[in-house]
Amino acid sequence: MAGWCMRFLGGIDRPGARLANHGVSAAAAMTMRELIASIAHEVNQPLAAIVANADACLSWLGTDQPDLAHVREAAKRIIRDGYRASAVLSSIRALLKTSGPAMSELNLNQVIRDILELMRNELSRYDVVLQIDLCKQLGRVWGNRIQLQQVLINLIKNAIESMSDSVVRPLLVRVSTAIQGELAVVAVEDSGSGFDAVAAEHMFEPFFTTKREGTGVGLSICRSIVEAHGGVLCATRKESPGSVFQFTVPLIHPPISTQN
């Protein structure tokens, strides 16, 4: 918007004006680059799942005695992931609106259960043992379901990828919730290689990545979403192999003891 304003200021052709306009254009280009990368990153996940399930369908149908029960389940997953891709695009569009994404009262534990069920096959494919420790007393939060699911998917996928070269067995991903004052705390813990000091300093910056084919936008998107929900996303290295990523979301009705 500032670039448009500068072009209509009326025939000024000074080096300073051209330099300022170039700066605005560069900033706009960076913003567009981030947007394109975020869309590619987020939509790629459900599309990859659709391709995998379609490939499985063809394999089952290509046998002499097709396993129609498995084909039917894979077809259901394709439909589900198609809707998920559409929901991700809607969520990204909502981020661009000044009004922000639609918020509602959420059972955060149930949001987590739904995502873990969605990712169970992927965890199994990589021989990852899943541990779940959800606080039964956790109250409800105010948030956008799709966006919080995006955060969880990214953190769990990162946890799986961090263990790809690990010699430690079993490969563990632990997802937990807890109450910390007036906040709900969600933690995703892995037994992978962890991260070094450079990654610790830059991992939440756009386009920083330690992955060979990474876009470097996943954690940046996660941080933006969490902060838009009034929370904080952080990461710590464990003393044993692995790392812990955790984020907070304010509780709608904090425990009475925190309100005194």
C-alpha atoms as a PDB file:
ATOM      1  CA  MET A   1       0.000   0.000   0.000  1.00  0.00           C
ATOM      2  CA  ALA A   2       2.835   2.363   0.802  1.00  0.00           C
ATOM      3  CA  GLY A   3       4.337   1.654  -2.617  1.00  0.00           C
ATOM      4  CA  TRP A   4       1.107   2.783  -4.287  1.00  0.00           C
ATOM      5  CA  CYS A   5       1.048   5.985  -2.213  1.00  0.00           C
ATOM      6  CA  MET A   6       4.630   6.816  -3.185  1.00  0.00           C
ATOM      7  CA  ARG A   7       3.900   6.393  -6.894  1.00  0.00           C
ATOM      8  CA  PHE A   8       1.042   8.869  -6.681  1.00  0.00           C
ATOM      9  CA  LEU A   9       2.906  11.585  -4.774  1.00  0.00           C
ATOM     10  CA  GLY A  10       3.376  13.429  -8.066  1.00  0.00           C
ATOM     11  CA  GLY A  11       6.394  13.436 -10.348  1.00  0.00           C
ATOM     12  CA  ILE A  12       9.160  13.635  -7.731  1.00  0.00           C
ATOM     13  CA  ASP A  13      12.313  12.090  -9.159  1.00  0.00           C
ATOM     14  CA  ARG A  14      14.953  12.348  -6.483  1.00  0.00           C
ATOM     15  CA  PRO A  15      17.495   9.582  -5.707  1.00  0.00           C
ATOM     16  CA  GLY A  16      16.146   9.415  -2.154  1.00  0.00           C
ATOM     17  CA  ALA A  17      12.594   8.943  -3.406  1.00  0.00           C
ATOM     18  CA  ARG A  18      13.667   6.186  -5.806  1.00  0.00           C
ATOM     19  CA  LEU A  19      15.629   4.470  -3.036  1.00  0.00           C
ATOM     20  CA  ALA A  20      12.655   4.618  -0.640  1.00  0.00           C
ATOM     21  CA  ASN A  21      10.352   3.251  -3.323  1.00  0.00           C
ATOM     22  CA  HIS A  22      12.823   0.428  -4.005  1.00  0.00           C
ATOM     23  CA  GLY A  23      12.839  -0.384  -0.276  1.00  0.00           C
ATOM     24  CA  VAL A  24       9.052  -0.613  -0.169  1.00  0.00           C
ATOM     25  CA  SER A  25       9.049  -2.815  -3.294  1.00  0.00           C
ATOM     26  CA  ALA A  26      11.667  -5.104  -1.741  1.00  0.00           C
ATOM     27  CA  ALA A  27       9.629  -5.373   1.444  1.00  0.00           C
ATOM     28  CA  ALA A  28       6.487  -6.133  -0.563  1.00  0.00           C
ATOM     29  CA  ALA A  29       8.387  -8.762  -2.557  1.00  0.00           C
ATOM     30  CA  MET A  30       9.586 -10.385   0.694  1.00  0.00           C
ATOM     31  CA  THR A  31       6.034 -10.419   2.060  1.00  0.00           C
ATOM     32  CA  MET A  32       4.773 -12.026  -1.152  1.00  0.00           C
ATOM     33  CA  ARG A  33       7.613 -14.567  -1.007  1.00  0.00           C
ATOM     34  CA  GLU A  34       6.645 -15.488   2.545  1.00  0.00           C
ATOM     35  CA  LEU A  35       2.976 -15.816   1.546  1.00  0.00           C
ATOM     36  CA  ILE A  36       3.731 -18.071  -1.438  1.00  0.00           C
ATOM     37  CA  ALA A  37       6.101 -20.224   0.620  1.00  0.00           C
ATOM     38  CA  SER A  38       3.567 -20.567   3.435  1.00  0.00           C
ATOM     39  CA  ILE A  39       0.783 -21.620   1.054  1.00  0.00           C
ATOM     40  CA  ALA A  40       3.067 -24.173  -0.642  1.00  0.00           C
ATOM     41  CA  HIS A  41       4.241 -25.505   2.720  1.00  0.00           C
ATOM     42  CA  GLU A  42       0.812 -25.856   4.315  1.00  0.00           C
ATOM     43  CA  VAL A  43      -1.091 -27.194   1.287  1.00  0.00           C
ATOM     44  CA  ASN A  44       1.667 -29.688   0.464  1.00  0.00           C
ATOM     45  CA  GLN A  45       0.910 -31.739   3.582  1.00  0.00           C
ATOM     46  CA  PRO A  46      -2.686 -32.766   2.762  1.00  0.00           C
ATOM     47  CA  LEU A  47      -1.837 -33.080  -0.964  1.00  0.00           C
ATOM     48  CA  ALA A  48       0.991 -35.499  -0.158  1.00  0.00           C
ATOM     49  CA  ALA A  49      -1.449 -37.541   1.951  1.00  0.00           C
ATOM     50  CA  ILE A  50      -3.958 -37.580  -0.936  1.00  0.00           C
ATOM     51  CA  VAL A  51      -1.315 -38.881  -3.359  1.00  0.00           C
ATOM     52  CA  ALA A  52      -0.179 -41.561  -0.889  1.00  0.00           C
ATOM     53  CA  ASN A  53      -3.731 -42.787  -0.309  1.00  0.00           C
ATOM     54  CA  ALA A  54      -4.566 -42.752  -4.028  1.00  0.00           C
ATOM     55  CA  ASP A  55      -1.424 -44.794  -4.706  1.00  0.00           C
ATOM     56  CA  ALA A  56      -2.506 -47.264  -2.018  1.00  0.00           C
ATOM     57  CA  CYS A  57      -5.949 -47.528  -3.649  1.00  0.00           C
ATOM     58  CA  LEU A  58      -4.403 -48.406  -7.015  1.00  0.00           C
ATOM     59  CA  SER A  59      -2.180 -51.027  -5.395  1.00  0.00           C
ATOM     60  CA  TRP A  60      -5.112 -52.712  -3.647  1.00  0.00           C
ATOM     61  CA  LEU A  61      -7.293 -52.562  -6.786  1.00  0.00           C
ATOM     62  CA  GLY A  62      -4.490 -54.068  -8.889  1.00  0.00           C
ATOM     63  CA  THR A  63      -4.542 -57.411  -7.090  1.00  0.00           C
ATOM     64  CA  ASP A  64      -6.508 -60.477  -8.182  1.00  0.00           C
ATOM     65  CA  GLN A  65      -8.730 -60.103  -5.124  1.00  0.00           C
ATOM     66  CA  PRO A  66      -8.938 -56.367  -4.317  1.00  0.00           C
ATOM     67  CA  ASP A  67      -9.202 -55.525  -0.633  1.00  0.00           C
ATOM     68  CA  LEU A  68     -12.263 -53.300  -0.955  1.00  0.00           C
ATOM     69  CA  ALA A  69     -12.371 -52.527   2.760  1.00  0.00           C
ATOM     70  CA  HIS A  70      -8.899 -50.977   2.607  1.00  0.00           C
ATOM     71  CA  VAL A  71      -9.784 -49.189  -0.640  1.00  0.00           C
ATOM     72  CA  ARG A  72     -12.878 -47.727   0.989  1.00  0.00           C
ATOM     73  CA  GLU A  73     -10.896 -46.466   3.998  1.00  0.00           C
ATOM     74  CA  ALA A  74      -8.238 -44.935   1.757  1.00  0.00           C
ATOM     75  CA  ALA A  75     -10.944 -43.211  -0.305  1.00  0.00           C
ATOM     76  CA  LYS A  76     -12.394 -41.759   2.897  1.00  0.00           C
ATOM     77  CA  ARG A  77      -8.951 -40.445   3.831  1.00  0.00           C
ATOM     78  CA  ILE A  78      -8.602 -38.844   0.379  1.00  0.00           C
ATOM     79  CA  ILE A  79     -11.905 -37.011   0.884  1.00  0.00           C
ATOM     80  CA  ARG A  80     -10.876 -35.970   4.389  1.00  0.00           C
ATOM     81  CA  ASP A  81      -7.502 -34.645   3.221  1.00  0.00           C
ATOM     82  CA  GLY A  82      -9.164 -32.822   0.325  1.00  0.00           C
ATOM     83  CA  TYR A  83     -11.359 -30.992   2.801  1.00  0.00           C
ATOM     84  CA  ARG A  84      -8.282 -30.349   4.950  1.00  0.00           C
ATOM     85  CA  ALA A  85      -6.453 -28.726   2.017  1.00  0.00           C
ATOM     86  CA  SER A  86      -9.479 -26.510   1.436  1.00  0.00           C
ATOM     87  CA  ALA A  87      -9.608 -25.623   5.132  1.00  0.00           C
ATOM     88  CA  VAL A  88      -5.902 -24.708   5.113  1.00  0.00           C
ATOM     89  CA  LEU A  89      -6.450 -22.321   2.202  1.00  0.00           C
ATOM     90  CA  SER A  90      -9.421 -20.782   4.010  1.00  0.00           C
ATOM     91  CA  SER A  91      -7.248 -20.372   7.094  1.00  0.00           C
ATOM     92  CA  ILE A  92      -4.503 -18.617   5.105  1.00  0.00           C
ATOM     93  CA  ARG A  93      -7.091 -16.323   3.510  1.00  0.00           C
ATOM     94  CA  ALA A  94      -8.364 -15.503   6.992  1.00  0.00           C
ATOM     95  CA  LEU A  95      -4.835 -14.531   8.062  1.00  0.00           C
ATOM     96  CA  LEU A  96      -4.816 -11.918   5.287  1.00  0.00           C
ATOM     97  CA  LYS A  97      -8.053 -10.312   6.444  1.00  0.00           C
ATOM     98  CA  THR A  98      -7.901  -7.453   8.919  1.00  0.00           C
ATOM     99  CA  SER A  99     -10.770  -9.069  10.819  1.00  0.00           C
ATOM    100  CA  GLY A 100      -8.591 -12.113  11.487  1.00  0.00           C
ATOM    101  CA  PRO A 101      -9.581 -15.799  11.522  1.00  0.00           C
ATOM    102  CA  ALA A 102     -12.859 -17.028  12.976  1.00  0.00           C
ATOM    103  CA  MET A 103     -12.447 -17.949  16.637  1.00  0.00           C
ATOM    104  CA  SER A 104     -14.583 -20.252  18.737  1.00  0.00           C
ATOM    105  CA  GLU A 105     -14.517 -22.014  22.091  1.00  0.00           C
ATOM    106  CA  LEU A 106     -12.392 -25.150  21.760  1.00  0.00           C
ATOM    107  CA  ASN A 107     -11.657 -28.293  23.703  1.00  0.00           C
ATOM    108  CA  LEU A 108      -7.896 -28.247  23.124  1.00  0.00           C
ATOM    109  CA  ASN A 109      -7.433 -31.858  24.220  1.00  0.00           C
ATOM    110  CA  GLN A 110      -9.967 -32.962  21.602  1.00  0.00           C
ATOM    111  CA  VAL A 111      -8.252 -30.879  18.918  1.00  0.00           C
ATOM    112  CA  ILE A 112      -5.035 -32.738  19.772  1.00  0.00           C
ATOM    113  CA  ARG A 113      -6.756 -36.155  19.754  1.00  0.00           C
ATOM    114  CA  ASP A 114      -8.205 -35.461  16.301  1.00  0.00           C
ATOM    115  CA  ILE A 115      -4.785 -34.533  14.888  1.00  0.00           C
ATOM    116  CA  LEU A 116      -3.049 -37.521  16.466  1.00  0.00           C
ATOM    117  CA  GLU A 117      -5.658 -39.824  14.933  1.00  0.00           C
ATOM    118  CA  LEU A 118      -5.081 -38.105  11.582  1.00  0.00           C
ATOM    119  CA  MET A 119      -1.312 -38.651  11.849  1.00  0.00           C
ATOM    120  CA  ARG A 120      -1.354 -42.138  13.328  1.00  0.00           C
ATOM    121  CA  ASN A 121      -0.515 -43.816   9.998  1.00  0.00           C
ATOM    122  CA  GLU A 122       2.414 -41.473   9.397  1.00  0.00           C
ATOM    123  CA  LEU A 123       3.783 -42.114  12.875  1.00  0.00           C
ATOM    124  CA  SER A 124       3.448 -45.840  12.283  1.00  0.00           C
ATOM    125  CA  ARG A 125       5.150 -45.611   8.876  1.00  0.00           C
ATOM    126  CA  TYR A 126       8.267 -44.194  10.521  1.00  0.00           C
ATOM    127  CA  ASP A 127       8.084 -46.642  13.467  1.00  0.00           C
ATOM    128  CA  VAL A 128       7.515 -43.818  15.922  1.00  0.00           C
ATOM    129  CA  VAL A 129       6.111 -44.659  19.335  1.00  0.00           C
ATOM    130  CA  LEU A 130       3.496 -42.102  20.345  1.00  0.00           C
ATOM    131  CA  GLN A 131       3.012 -41.180  24.001  1.00  0.00           C
ATOM    132  CA  ILE A 132      -0.002 -39.057  24.974  1.00  0.00           C
ATOM    133  CA  ASP A 133      -0.384 -37.289  28.311  1.00  0.00           C
ATOM    134  CA  LEU A 134      -3.347 -34.903  28.249  1.00  0.00           C
ATOM    135  CA  CYS A 135      -4.368 -33.013  31.378  1.00  0.00           C
ATOM    136  CA  LYS A 136      -7.933 -34.030  32.263  1.00  0.00           C
ATOM    137  CA  GLN A 137      -8.537 -30.747  34.084  1.00  0.00           C
ATOM    138  CA  LEU A 138      -7.564 -28.635  31.065  1.00  0.00           C
ATOM    139  CA  GLY A 139     -10.226 -26.017  30.416  1.00  0.00           C
ATOM    140  CA  ARG A 140     -11.391 -24.642  27.092  1.00  0.00           C
ATOM    141  CA  VAL A 141      -9.547 -22.089  24.995  1.00  0.00           C
ATOM    142  CA  TRP A 142     -10.633 -19.472  22.487  1.00  0.00           C
ATOM    143  CA  GLY A 143      -9.099 -20.194  19.088  1.00  0.00           C
ATOM    144  CA  ASN A 144      -9.247 -21.217  15.457  1.00  0.00           C
ATOM    145  CA  ARG A 145      -9.360 -25.021  15.177  1.00  0.00           C
ATOM    146  CA  ILE A 146      -7.729 -25.261  11.744  1.00  0.00           C
ATOM    147  CA  GLN A 147      -4.850 -22.959  12.655  1.00  0.00           C
ATOM    148  CA  LEU A 148      -4.104 -24.742  15.937  1.00  0.00           C
ATOM    149  CA  GLN A 149      -4.207 -28.037  14.027  1.00  0.00           C
ATOM    150  CA  GLN A 150      -1.677 -26.583  11.572  1.00  0.00           C
ATOM    151  CA  VAL A 151       0.647 -25.792  14.477  1.00  0.00           C
ATOM    152  CA  LEU A 152       0.350 -29.313  15.870  1.00  0.00           C
ATOM    153  CA  ILE A 153       0.891 -30.972  12.479  1.00  0.00           C
ATOM    154  CA  ASN A 154       4.007 -28.899  11.862  1.00  0.00           C
ATOM    155  CA  LEU A 155       5.482 -29.610  15.290  1.00  0.00           C
ATOM    156  CA  ILE A 156       4.777 -33.350  15.074  1.00  0.00           C
ATOM    157  CA  LYS A 157       6.165 -33.586  11.521  1.00  0.00           C
ATOM    158  CA  ASN A 158       9.279 -31.720  12.636  1.00  0.00           C
ATOM    159  CA  ALA A 159       9.645 -34.149  15.535  1.00  0.00           C
ATOM    160  CA  ILE A 160       9.418 -37.128  13.174  1.00  0.00           C
ATOM    161  CA  GLU A 161      11.921 -35.601  10.735  1.00  0.00           C
ATOM    162  CA  SER A 162      14.371 -34.777  13.535  1.00  0.00           C
ATOM    163  CA  MET A 163      14.618 -38.507  14.297  1.00  0.00           C
ATOM    164  CA  SER A 164      15.169 -39.651  10.695  1.00  0.00           C
ATOM    165  CA  ASP A 165      18.901 -40.270  11.283  1.00  0.00           C
ATOM    166  CA  SER A 166      18.642 -41.218  14.953  1.00  0.00           C
ATOM    167  CA  VAL A 167      20.232 -44.461  16.146  1.00  0.00           C
ATOM    168  CA  VAL A 168      18.384 -44.225  19.470  1.00  0.00           C
ATOM    169  CA  ARG A 169      15.492 -46.659  19.771  1.00  0.00           C
ATOM    170  CA  PRO A 170      12.627 -46.514  20.207  1.00  0.00           C
ATOM    171  CA  LEU A 171      11.818 -43.313  18.315  1.00  0.00           C
ATOM    172  CA  LEU A 172       9.534 -41.386  20.652  1.00  0.00           C
ATOM    173  CA  VAL A 173       7.108 -38.526  20.190  1.00  0.00           C
ATOM    174  CA  ARG A 174       5.335 -37.397  23.332  1.00  0.00           C
ATOM    175  CA  VAL A 175       2.414 -34.962  23.173  1.00  0.00           C
ATOM    176  CA  SER A 176       1.164 -33.480  26.421  1.00  0.00           C
ATOM    177  CA  THR A 177      -0.975 -30.709  27.839  1.00  0.00           C
ATOM    178  CA  ALA A 178      -0.767 -28.955  31.188  1.00  0.00           C
ATOM    179  CA  ILE A 179      -2.085 -25.933  33.053  1.00  0.00           C
ATOM    180  CA  GLN A 180       0.324 -23.130  33.844  1.00  0.00           C
ATOM    181  CA  GLY A 181      -1.463 -20.344  35.685  1.00  0.00           C
ATOM    182  CA  GLU A 182      -4.013 -18.908  33.238  1.00  0.00           C
ATOM    183  CA  LEU A 183      -2.520 -20.719  30.249  1.00  0.00           C
ATOM    184  CA  ALA A 184      -2.962 -24.060  28.547  1.00  0.00           C
ATOM    185  CA  VAL A 185       0.457 -25.493  27.645  1.00  0.00           C
ATOM    186  CA  VAL A 186       0.912 -27.924  24.749  1.00  0.00           C
ATOM    187  CA  ALA A 187       4.258 -29.705  24.404  1.00  0.00           C
ATOM    188  CA  VAL A 188       5.624 -31.904  21.599  1.00  0.00           C
ATOM    189  CA  GLU A 189       8.717 -33.823  22.677  1.00  0.00           C
ATOM    190  CA  ASP A 190      10.960 -36.049  20.549  1.00  0.00           C
ATOM    191  CA  SER A 191      14.051 -38.244  20.931  1.00  0.00           C
ATOM    192  CA  GLY A 192      15.795 -36.841  17.866  1.00  0.00           C
ATOM    193  CA  SER A 193      19.068 -35.024  17.321  1.00  0.00           C
ATOM    194  CA  GLY A 194      17.930 -31.737  18.869  1.00  0.00           C
ATOM    195  CA  PHE A 195      19.274 -28.439  17.535  1.00  0.00           C
ATOM    196  CA  ASP A 196      22.435 -26.355  17.855  1.00  0.00           C
ATOM    197  CA  ALA A 197      22.951 -22.785  19.081  1.00  0.00           C
ATOM    198  CA  VAL A 198      22.575 -21.276  15.602  1.00  0.00           C
ATOM    199  CA  ALA A 199      19.241 -23.010  15.049  1.00  0.00           C
ATOM    200  CA  ALA A 200      18.093 -21.985  18.521  1.00  0.00           C
ATOM    201  CA  GLU A 201      18.664 -18.340  17.641  1.00  0.00           C
ATOM    202  CA  HIS A 202      17.103 -18.344  14.172  1.00  0.00           C
ATOM    203  CA  MET A 203      14.652 -21.264  13.925  1.00  0.00           C
ATOM    204  CA  PHE A 204      11.533 -19.080  14.145  1.00  0.00           C
ATOM    205  CA  GLU A 205      12.713 -16.654  11.461  1.00  0.00           C
ATOM    206  CA  PRO A 206      11.163 -16.925   7.965  1.00  0.00           C
ATOM    207  CA  PHE A 207      13.220 -19.030   5.517  1.00  0.00           C
ATOM    208  CA  PHE A 208      15.709 -20.318   8.084  1.00  0.00           C
ATOM    209  CA  THR A 209      16.011 -24.084   7.755  1.00  0.00           C
ATOM    210  CA  THR A 210      18.449 -26.882   8.528  1.00  0.00           C
ATOM    211  CA  LYS A 211      16.633 -29.313   6.200  1.00  0.00           C
ATOM    212  CA  ARG A 212      17.986 -30.089   2.748  1.00  0.00           C
ATOM    213  CA  GLU A 213      14.601 -29.513   1.104  1.00  0.00           C
ATOM    214  CA  GLY A 214      12.992 -27.331   3.777  1.00  0.00           C
ATOM    215  CA  THR A 215      11.202 -24.073   3.001  1.00  0.00           C
ATOM    216  CA  GLY A 216      11.994 -22.523   6.371  1.00  0.00           C
ATOM    217  CA  VAL A 217       8.462 -21.223   6.890  1.00  0.00           C
ATOM    218  CA  GLY A 218       6.848 -23.901   9.066  1.00  0.00           C
ATOM    219  CA  LEU A 219       7.983 -22.668  12.475  1.00  0.00           C
ATOM    220  CA  SER A 220       7.573 -19.045  11.415  1.00  0.00           C
ATOM    221  CA  ILE A 221       3.937 -19.755  10.540  1.00  0.00           C
ATOM    222  CA  CYS A 222       3.460 -21.616  13.818  1.00  0.00           C
ATOM    223  CA  ARG A 223       4.818 -18.698  15.813  1.00  0.00           C
ATOM    224  CA  SER A 224       2.544 -16.221  13.986  1.00  0.00           C
ATOM    225  CA  ILE A 225      -0.508 -18.387  14.656  1.00  0.00           C
ATOM    226  CA  VAL A 226       0.320 -18.919  18.329  1.00  0.00           C
ATOM    227  CA  GLU A 227       0.987 -15.216  18.889  1.00  0.00           C
ATOM    228  CA  ALA A 228      -2.305 -14.359  17.145  1.00  0.00           C
ATOM    229  CA  HIS A 229      -3.944 -16.571  19.791  1.00  0.00           C
ATOM    230  CA  GLY A 230      -2.282 -14.623  22.602  1.00  0.00           C
ATOM    231  CA  GLY A 231       0.307 -17.307  23.314  1.00  0.00           C
ATOM    232  CA  VAL A 232       4.029 -17.991  22.993  1.00  0.00           C
ATOM    233  CA  LEU A 233       5.925 -20.692  21.076  1.00  0.00           C
ATOM    234  CA  CYS A 234       9.354 -21.762  22.316  1.00  0.00           C
ATOM    235  CA  ALA A 235      11.837 -24.625  22.028  1.00  0.00           C
ATOM    236  CA  THR A 236      14.308 -26.221  24.430  1.00  0.00           C
ATOM    237  CA  ARG A 237      16.930 -28.947  24.131  1.00  0.00           C
ATOM    238  CA  LYS A 238      16.635 -31.950  26.405  1.00  0.00           C
ATOM    239  CA  GLU A 239      19.548 -33.256  28.452  1.00  0.00           C
ATOM    240  CA  SER A 240      18.932 -36.604  26.811  1.00  0.00           C
ATOM    241  CA  PRO A 241      18.709 -36.705  22.987  1.00  0.00           C
ATOM    242  CA  GLY A 242      15.846 -34.687  21.599  1.00  0.00           C
ATOM    243  CA  SER A 243      13.993 -31.418  21.975  1.00  0.00           C
ATOM    244  CA  VAL A 244      10.735 -30.021  23.297  1.00  0.00           C
ATOM    245  CA  PHE A 245       8.582 -27.515  21.435  1.00  0.00           C
ATOM    246  CA  GLN A 246       5.779 -26.021  23.450  1.00  0.00           C
ATOM    247  CA  PHE A 247       3.195 -23.315  23.000  1.00  0.00           C
ATOM    248  CA  THR A 248       0.640 -21.644  25.202  1.00  0.00           C
ATOM    249  CA  VAL A 249      -2.945 -20.547  24.671  1.00  0.00           C
ATOM    250  CA  PRO A 250      -4.904 -18.528  27.265  1.00  0.00           C
ATOM    251  CA  LEU A 251      -7.649 -20.458  29.049  1.00  0.00           C
ATOM    252  CA  ILE A 252     -11.171 -19.033  28.849  1.00  0.00           C
ATOM    253  CA  HIS A 253     -11.833 -19.918  32.490  1.00  0.00           C
ATOM    254  CA  PRO A 254      -8.527 -20.146  34.378  1.00  0.00           C
ATOM    255  CA  PRO A 255      -8.431 -22.178  37.607  1.00  0.00           C
ATOM    256  CA  ILE A 256      -9.981 -20.224  40.476  1.00  0.00           C
ATOM    257  CA  SER A 257      -6.680 -20.239  42.391  1.00  0.00           C
ATOM    258  CA  THR A 258      -5.040 -18.118  39.662  1.00  0.00           C
ATOM    259  CA  GLN A 259      -7.692 -15.422  39.865  1.00  0.00           C
ATOM    260  CA  ASN A 260      -7.037 -14.418  43.471  1.00  0.00           C
END
